[in-house]
Amino acid sequence: MSVEGWDQPEVEITVIKSMSYDYKPKRPDAAAERLNSIRVVTERKSTAELVISTIPTSRHGNWAPFLRPTATGSVMAEYRIHVPRDSKLVIHHGTGFVSVNAVTGDIEASAGRGDIMLWLRPGSYSIDAKTKLGNVS
């Protein structure tokens, strides 16, 4: 995930979905089905708040207690997000690299597994960044 501040008043989101390098489809249309099983949804909570969510398709019905309820099925999603430079960010990221560049607002970022890199201009910030397995720089 890459978040970059810019001088525009709107948010631009680019999502690139791909299959892992070792994925071998069993049928010709299997890769397309897997890519389409991961949805990216945006929801405007207010004029100043936008929520971006990744929703994987359920991998089983109502009963399968030993399996996680959803799986990405070898699909990788890369997010390139441009936000107004003074945006306040709240990022909850599961697995992967998080990079924030040229944002002057307050930042709260967490990741389950992966590094968090904050590229900040000199100034005063409120930053709360943590990862369970990785580094914060």
N, C-alpha and C. Protein backbone atom coordinates (compact mmCIF):
# COMPACT_ATOMS: atom_id res chain seq x y z
N MET A 1 0.85 -1.16 0.00
CA MET A 1 0.00 0.00 0.00
C MET A 1 0.90 1.22 0.00
N SER A 2 0.60 2.13 -0.91
CA SER A 2 1.34 3.38 -1.00
C SER A 2 0.35 4.53 -0.94
N VAL A 3 0.55 5.43 0.03
CA VAL A 3 -0.30 6.61 0.17
C VAL A 3 0.59 7.83 -0.02
N GLU A 4 0.20 8.70 -0.94
CA GLU A 4 1.00 9.88 -1.23
C GLU A 4 0.13 11.12 -1.19
N GLY A 5 0.64 12.15 -0.51
CA GLY A 5 -0.07 13.42 -0.47
C GLY A 5 0.15 14.20 -1.75
N TRP A 6 -0.89 14.88 -2.19
CA TRP A 6 -0.78 15.73 -3.38
C TRP A 6 -1.58 17.00 -3.18
N ASP A 7 -1.49 17.91 -4.14
CA ASP A 7 -2.13 19.23 -4.02
C ASP A 7 -3.52 19.29 -4.62
N GLN A 8 -4.15 18.16 -4.85
CA GLN A 8 -5.52 18.11 -5.38
C GLN A 8 -6.50 17.92 -4.21
N PRO A 9 -7.76 18.39 -4.35
CA PRO A 9 -8.72 18.24 -3.26
C PRO A 9 -9.39 16.86 -3.21
N GLU A 10 -9.17 16.01 -4.21
CA GLU A 10 -9.85 14.72 -4.24
C GLU A 10 -8.89 13.58 -3.93
N VAL A 11 -9.49 12.40 -3.71
CA VAL A 11 -8.74 11.17 -3.45
C VAL A 11 -8.75 10.35 -4.73
N GLU A 12 -7.59 9.80 -5.08
CA GLU A 12 -7.47 8.92 -6.25
C GLU A 12 -6.97 7.57 -5.76
N ILE A 13 -7.66 6.51 -6.13
CA ILE A 13 -7.30 5.16 -5.70
C ILE A 13 -7.06 4.31 -6.93
N THR A 14 -5.88 3.71 -7.00
CA THR A 14 -5.57 2.75 -8.06
C THR A 14 -5.29 1.42 -7.37
N VAL A 15 -5.99 0.37 -7.80
CA VAL A 15 -5.81 -0.96 -7.24
C VAL A 15 -5.32 -1.87 -8.35
N ILE A 16 -4.21 -2.55 -8.09
CA ILE A 16 -3.65 -3.50 -9.04
C ILE A 16 -3.73 -4.87 -8.40
N LYS A 17 -4.54 -5.75 -9.00
CA LYS A 17 -4.67 -7.11 -8.48
C LYS A 17 -3.87 -8.04 -9.38
N SER A 18 -3.15 -8.97 -8.76
CA SER A 18 -2.36 -9.94 -9.53
C SER A 18 -2.33 -11.26 -8.77
N MET A 19 -1.91 -12.29 -9.47
CA MET A 19 -1.78 -13.60 -8.85
C MET A 19 -0.34 -13.78 -8.38
N SER A 20 -0.15 -14.58 -7.34
CA SER A 20 1.20 -14.84 -6.85
C SER A 20 2.00 -15.56 -7.95
N TYR A 21 3.32 -15.41 -7.88
CA TYR A 21 4.19 -15.93 -8.95
C TYR A 21 4.08 -17.44 -9.13
N ASP A 22 3.72 -18.17 -8.10
CA ASP A 22 3.67 -19.63 -8.21
C ASP A 22 2.26 -20.18 -8.47
N TYR A 23 1.30 -19.30 -8.78
CA TYR A 23 -0.07 -19.76 -9.02
C TYR A 23 -0.16 -20.47 -10.36
N LYS A 24 -0.75 -21.65 -10.37
CA LYS A 24 -0.95 -22.42 -11.59
C LYS A 24 -2.44 -22.74 -11.71
N PRO A 25 -3.15 -22.05 -12.63
CA PRO A 25 -4.59 -22.28 -12.74
C PRO A 25 -4.91 -23.68 -13.26
N LYS A 26 -6.02 -24.22 -12.76
CA LYS A 26 -6.46 -25.55 -13.18
C LYS A 26 -7.32 -25.48 -14.44
N ARG A 27 -7.94 -24.29 -14.67
CA ARG A 27 -8.75 -24.08 -15.87
C ARG A 27 -8.40 -22.69 -16.42
N PRO A 28 -8.68 -22.44 -17.69
CA PRO A 28 -8.30 -21.16 -18.30
C PRO A 28 -8.92 -19.94 -17.62
N ASP A 29 -10.14 -20.04 -17.10
CA ASP A 29 -10.80 -18.88 -16.50
C ASP A 29 -10.62 -18.80 -14.98
N ALA A 30 -9.84 -19.71 -14.40
CA ALA A 30 -9.69 -19.76 -12.94
C ALA A 30 -9.00 -18.50 -12.39
N ALA A 31 -7.98 -17.99 -13.08
CA ALA A 31 -7.27 -16.80 -12.59
C ALA A 31 -8.21 -15.60 -12.57
N ALA A 32 -9.01 -15.42 -13.61
CA ALA A 32 -9.95 -14.29 -13.65
C ALA A 32 -10.97 -14.40 -12.53
N GLU A 33 -11.46 -15.61 -12.26
CA GLU A 33 -12.41 -15.81 -11.16
C GLU A 33 -11.78 -15.43 -9.82
N ARG A 34 -10.55 -15.85 -9.62
CA ARG A 34 -9.86 -15.52 -8.37
C ARG A 34 -9.66 -14.01 -8.23
N LEU A 35 -9.23 -13.36 -9.31
CA LEU A 35 -9.03 -11.91 -9.26
C LEU A 35 -10.33 -11.18 -8.94
N ASN A 36 -11.43 -11.66 -9.50
CA ASN A 36 -12.73 -11.03 -9.25
C ASN A 36 -13.31 -11.36 -7.88
N SER A 37 -12.73 -12.33 -7.19
CA SER A 37 -13.25 -12.70 -5.87
C SER A 37 -12.85 -11.70 -4.79
N ILE A 38 -11.90 -10.84 -5.07
CA ILE A 38 -11.46 -9.81 -4.14
C ILE A 38 -12.06 -8.48 -4.60
N ARG A 39 -12.89 -7.89 -3.74
CA ARG A 39 -13.53 -6.62 -4.09
C ARG A 39 -12.95 -5.49 -3.25
N VAL A 40 -12.81 -4.34 -3.87
CA VAL A 40 -12.39 -3.13 -3.16
C VAL A 40 -13.59 -2.20 -3.16
N VAL A 41 -13.99 -1.78 -1.96
CA VAL A 41 -15.20 -0.98 -1.78
C VAL A 41 -14.83 0.33 -1.10
N THR A 42 -15.39 1.42 -1.58
CA THR A 42 -15.22 2.71 -0.91
C THR A 42 -16.56 3.15 -0.35
N GLU A 43 -16.50 3.80 0.80
CA GLU A 43 -17.71 4.31 1.44
C GLU A 43 -17.41 5.68 2.03
N ARG A 44 -18.18 6.66 1.62
CA ARG A 44 -18.01 8.01 2.15
C ARG A 44 -18.86 8.12 3.41
N LYS A 45 -18.19 8.23 4.57
CA LYS A 45 -18.88 8.34 5.86
C LYS A 45 -19.36 9.77 6.11
N SER A 46 -18.59 10.74 5.62
CA SER A 46 -18.95 12.16 5.73
C SER A 46 -18.18 12.89 4.64
N THR A 47 -18.32 14.21 4.60
CA THR A 47 -17.59 14.97 3.58
C THR A 47 -16.08 14.90 3.81
N ALA A 48 -15.65 14.56 5.01
CA ALA A 48 -14.23 14.53 5.32
C ALA A 48 -13.69 13.12 5.58
N GLU A 49 -14.53 12.09 5.47
CA GLU A 49 -14.10 10.74 5.81
C GLU A 49 -14.45 9.76 4.71
N LEU A 50 -13.43 9.04 4.25
CA LEU A 50 -13.59 8.03 3.22
C LEU A 50 -12.99 6.72 3.74
N VAL A 51 -13.74 5.63 3.66
CA VAL A 51 -13.28 4.32 4.09
C VAL A 51 -13.04 3.47 2.85
N ILE A 52 -11.87 2.85 2.78
CA ILE A 52 -11.52 1.94 1.68
C ILE A 52 -11.37 0.56 2.29
N SER A 53 -12.14 -0.41 1.80
CA SER A 53 -12.11 -1.76 2.37
C SER A 53 -11.84 -2.78 1.28
N THR A 54 -11.14 -3.85 1.65
CA THR A 54 -10.93 -4.99 0.78
C THR A 54 -11.79 -6.12 1.31
N ILE A 55 -12.63 -6.68 0.44
CA ILE A 55 -13.57 -7.71 0.88
C ILE A 55 -13.32 -8.99 0.07
N PRO A 56 -12.72 -10.01 0.70
CA PRO A 56 -12.57 -11.30 0.02
C PRO A 56 -13.87 -12.08 0.09
N THR A 57 -14.11 -12.89 -0.90
CA THR A 57 -15.30 -13.73 -0.92
C THR A 57 -15.20 -14.81 0.15
N SER A 58 -16.35 -15.16 0.74
CA SER A 58 -16.39 -16.22 1.74
C SER A 58 -15.91 -17.52 1.11
N ARG A 59 -15.11 -18.27 1.85
CA ARG A 59 -14.56 -19.49 1.27
C ARG A 59 -15.35 -20.74 1.64
N HIS A 60 -16.40 -20.60 2.43
CA HIS A 60 -17.23 -21.75 2.80
C HIS A 60 -18.59 -21.27 3.25
N GLY A 61 -19.46 -22.18 3.50
CA GLY A 61 -20.80 -21.85 3.96
C GLY A 61 -20.83 -21.48 5.43
N ASN A 62 -21.87 -21.85 6.12
CA ASN A 62 -22.04 -21.48 7.51
C ASN A 62 -21.24 -22.33 8.49
N TRP A 63 -20.70 -23.46 8.04
CA TRP A 63 -20.01 -24.33 8.99
C TRP A 63 -18.65 -24.75 8.44
N ALA A 64 -17.62 -24.41 9.12
CA ALA A 64 -16.24 -24.86 8.87
C ALA A 64 -15.38 -24.20 9.94
N PRO A 65 -15.50 -24.63 11.19
CA PRO A 65 -14.87 -23.92 12.31
C PRO A 65 -13.36 -23.89 12.28
N PHE A 66 -12.69 -24.77 11.52
CA PHE A 66 -11.23 -24.82 11.56
C PHE A 66 -10.59 -24.01 10.43
N LEU A 67 -11.38 -23.42 9.57
CA LEU A 67 -10.84 -22.61 8.49
C LEU A 67 -11.17 -21.15 8.71
N ARG A 68 -10.28 -20.28 8.27
CA ARG A 68 -10.60 -18.85 8.31
C ARG A 68 -11.81 -18.63 7.40
N PRO A 69 -12.69 -17.70 7.73
CA PRO A 69 -13.91 -17.52 6.95
C PRO A 69 -13.67 -16.99 5.55
N THR A 70 -12.55 -16.31 5.33
CA THR A 70 -12.25 -15.80 4.00
C THR A 70 -10.80 -16.08 3.67
N ALA A 71 -10.48 -16.06 2.39
CA ALA A 71 -9.10 -16.24 1.94
C ALA A 71 -8.92 -15.48 0.64
N THR A 72 -7.71 -15.04 0.39
CA THR A 72 -7.45 -14.28 -0.83
C THR A 72 -7.20 -15.17 -2.03
N GLY A 73 -6.96 -16.46 -1.83
CA GLY A 73 -6.79 -17.38 -2.96
C GLY A 73 -5.64 -17.01 -3.87
N SER A 74 -4.49 -16.66 -3.32
CA SER A 74 -3.29 -16.30 -4.07
C SER A 74 -3.38 -14.95 -4.77
N VAL A 75 -4.41 -14.18 -4.50
CA VAL A 75 -4.55 -12.86 -5.11
C VAL A 75 -3.80 -11.83 -4.26
N MET A 76 -3.00 -11.02 -4.92
CA MET A 76 -2.30 -9.92 -4.27
C MET A 76 -2.91 -8.62 -4.76
N ALA A 77 -3.13 -7.68 -3.85
CA ALA A 77 -3.68 -6.38 -4.22
C ALA A 77 -2.70 -5.29 -3.82
N GLU A 78 -2.36 -4.43 -4.76
CA GLU A 78 -1.48 -3.30 -4.51
C GLU A 78 -2.32 -2.03 -4.62
N TYR A 79 -2.23 -1.19 -3.60
CA TYR A 79 -3.00 0.05 -3.56
C TYR A 79 -2.06 1.22 -3.75
N ARG A 80 -2.41 2.12 -4.67
CA ARG A 80 -1.71 3.39 -4.84
C ARG A 80 -2.76 4.48 -4.63
N ILE A 81 -2.63 5.19 -3.53
CA ILE A 81 -3.66 6.14 -3.12
C ILE A 81 -3.05 7.53 -3.03
N HIS A 82 -3.70 8.49 -3.70
CA HIS A 82 -3.33 9.90 -3.57
C HIS A 82 -4.40 10.59 -2.74
N VAL A 83 -3.96 11.36 -1.74
CA VAL A 83 -4.88 12.07 -0.85
C VAL A 83 -4.45 13.53 -0.76
N PRO A 84 -5.37 14.42 -0.40
CA PRO A 84 -4.94 15.80 -0.14
C PRO A 84 -3.83 15.78 0.92
N ARG A 85 -2.84 16.61 0.71
CA ARG A 85 -1.63 16.61 1.54
C ARG A 85 -1.92 16.72 3.04
N ASP A 86 -2.96 17.47 3.42
CA ASP A 86 -3.25 17.68 4.84
C ASP A 86 -4.22 16.65 5.42
N SER A 87 -4.40 15.53 4.76
CA SER A 87 -5.33 14.50 5.22
C SER A 87 -4.87 13.85 6.52
N LYS A 88 -5.84 13.50 7.35
CA LYS A 88 -5.59 12.65 8.52
C LYS A 88 -5.80 11.22 8.05
N LEU A 89 -4.84 10.34 8.34
CA LEU A 89 -4.92 8.96 7.88
C LEU A 89 -5.09 8.00 9.04
N VAL A 90 -5.98 7.03 8.86
CA VAL A 90 -6.11 5.90 9.77
C VAL A 90 -6.02 4.66 8.88
N ILE A 91 -4.93 3.91 9.03
CA ILE A 91 -4.66 2.76 8.16
C ILE A 91 -4.59 1.50 9.02
N HIS A 92 -5.40 0.50 8.67
CA HIS A 92 -5.34 -0.82 9.30
C HIS A 92 -5.07 -1.80 8.16
N HIS A 93 -3.85 -2.29 8.10
CA HIS A 93 -3.41 -3.13 6.98
C HIS A 93 -3.04 -4.51 7.51
N GLY A 94 -3.46 -5.54 6.83
CA GLY A 94 -3.19 -6.90 7.29
C GLY A 94 -1.75 -7.31 7.06
N THR A 95 -1.42 -7.64 5.82
CA THR A 95 -0.10 -8.13 5.49
C THR A 95 0.46 -7.33 4.33
N GLY A 96 1.70 -6.90 4.46
CA GLY A 96 2.36 -6.21 3.37
C GLY A 96 2.95 -4.88 3.81
N PHE A 97 3.60 -4.24 2.88
CA PHE A 97 4.32 -2.99 3.08
C PHE A 97 3.36 -1.80 3.03
N VAL A 98 3.53 -0.85 3.96
CA VAL A 98 2.75 0.39 3.96
C VAL A 98 3.74 1.54 3.84
N SER A 99 3.52 2.40 2.85
CA SER A 99 4.38 3.57 2.65
C SER A 99 3.49 4.81 2.61
N VAL A 100 3.84 5.82 3.42
CA VAL A 100 3.11 7.09 3.43
C VAL A 100 4.13 8.18 3.12
N ASN A 101 3.83 9.00 2.10
CA ASN A 101 4.78 10.01 1.64
C ASN A 101 4.07 11.35 1.46
N ALA A 102 4.68 12.42 1.97
CA ALA A 102 4.25 13.80 1.73
C ALA A 102 2.86 14.11 2.29
N VAL A 103 2.47 13.47 3.39
CA VAL A 103 1.22 13.78 4.07
C VAL A 103 1.56 14.57 5.33
N THR A 104 0.88 15.70 5.54
CA THR A 104 1.19 16.57 6.68
C THR A 104 0.18 16.43 7.82
N GLY A 105 -0.89 15.65 7.64
CA GLY A 105 -1.88 15.44 8.69
C GLY A 105 -1.43 14.36 9.66
N ASP A 106 -2.22 14.15 10.70
CA ASP A 106 -1.94 13.11 11.70
C ASP A 106 -2.06 11.73 11.05
N ILE A 107 -1.26 10.78 11.55
CA ILE A 107 -1.23 9.44 10.97
C ILE A 107 -1.35 8.39 12.07
N GLU A 108 -2.29 7.48 11.88
CA GLU A 108 -2.40 6.27 12.70
C GLU A 108 -2.30 5.11 11.73
N ALA A 109 -1.29 4.26 11.89
CA ALA A 109 -1.09 3.15 10.95
C ALA A 109 -0.75 1.89 11.73
N SER A 110 -1.38 0.79 11.35
CA SER A 110 -1.06 -0.50 11.95
C SER A 110 -1.03 -1.55 10.86
N ALA A 111 -0.18 -2.56 11.09
CA ALA A 111 -0.07 -3.67 10.14
C ALA A 111 0.11 -4.94 10.94
N GLY A 112 -0.49 -6.02 10.47
CA GLY A 112 -0.30 -7.30 11.12
C GLY A 112 1.10 -7.84 10.85
N ARG A 113 1.47 -7.90 9.58
CA ARG A 113 2.80 -8.34 9.18
C ARG A 113 3.26 -7.43 8.05
N GLY A 114 4.38 -6.77 8.24
CA GLY A 114 4.94 -5.92 7.20
C GLY A 114 5.51 -4.65 7.77
N ASP A 115 6.32 -3.99 6.98
CA ASP A 115 6.96 -2.76 7.39
C ASP A 115 6.06 -1.56 7.13
N ILE A 116 6.23 -0.53 7.95
CA ILE A 116 5.54 0.75 7.76
C ILE A 116 6.62 1.81 7.60
N MET A 117 6.61 2.51 6.48
CA MET A 117 7.58 3.58 6.20
C MET A 117 6.82 4.90 6.08
N LEU A 118 7.23 5.88 6.86
CA LEU A 118 6.62 7.21 6.81
C LEU A 118 7.68 8.18 6.30
N TRP A 119 7.43 8.79 5.15
CA TRP A 119 8.32 9.76 4.53
C TRP A 119 7.72 11.14 4.77
N LEU A 120 8.20 11.83 5.80
CA LEU A 120 7.55 13.06 6.25
C LEU A 120 8.44 14.27 6.05
N ARG A 121 7.79 15.39 5.74
CA ARG A 121 8.48 16.67 5.66
C ARG A 121 8.72 17.17 7.08
N PRO A 122 9.71 18.04 7.28
CA PRO A 122 9.91 18.60 8.62
C PRO A 122 8.64 19.29 9.11
N GLY A 123 8.31 19.09 10.36
CA GLY A 123 7.11 19.70 10.93
C GLY A 123 6.66 18.95 12.16
N SER A 124 5.51 19.33 12.67
CA SER A 124 4.95 18.73 13.87
C SER A 124 3.84 17.77 13.46
N TYR A 125 3.90 16.54 13.97
CA TYR A 125 2.94 15.50 13.62
C TYR A 125 2.50 14.76 14.86
N SER A 126 1.34 14.14 14.74
CA SER A 126 0.91 13.14 15.71
C SER A 126 0.92 11.82 14.96
N ILE A 127 1.80 10.91 15.39
CA ILE A 127 1.96 9.65 14.68
C ILE A 127 1.82 8.50 15.67
N ASP A 128 1.00 7.52 15.30
CA ASP A 128 0.87 6.28 16.06
C ASP A 128 0.99 5.16 15.04
N ALA A 129 2.16 4.52 14.96
CA ALA A 129 2.38 3.48 13.98
C ALA A 129 2.94 2.25 14.67
N LYS A 130 2.35 1.09 14.34
CA LYS A 130 2.85 -0.15 14.94
C LYS A 130 2.57 -1.33 14.01
N THR A 131 3.44 -2.30 14.11
CA THR A 131 3.27 -3.52 13.35
C THR A 131 3.61 -4.69 14.26
N LYS A 132 2.91 -5.81 14.11
CA LYS A 132 3.17 -6.97 14.94
C LYS A 132 4.46 -7.67 14.52
N LEU A 133 4.72 -7.71 13.21
CA LEU A 133 5.91 -8.36 12.69
C LEU A 133 6.45 -7.50 11.56
N GLY A 134 7.45 -6.71 11.84
CA GLY A 134 8.02 -5.80 10.85
C GLY A 134 8.65 -4.61 11.54
N ASN A 135 8.96 -3.58 10.77
CA ASN A 135 9.62 -2.38 11.28
C ASN A 135 8.80 -1.15 10.96
N VAL A 136 8.93 -0.14 11.81
CA VAL A 136 8.34 1.18 11.56
C VAL A 136 9.50 2.15 11.42
N SER A 137 9.55 2.86 10.31
CA SER A 137 10.61 3.85 10.07
C SER A 137 9.99 5.16 9.65
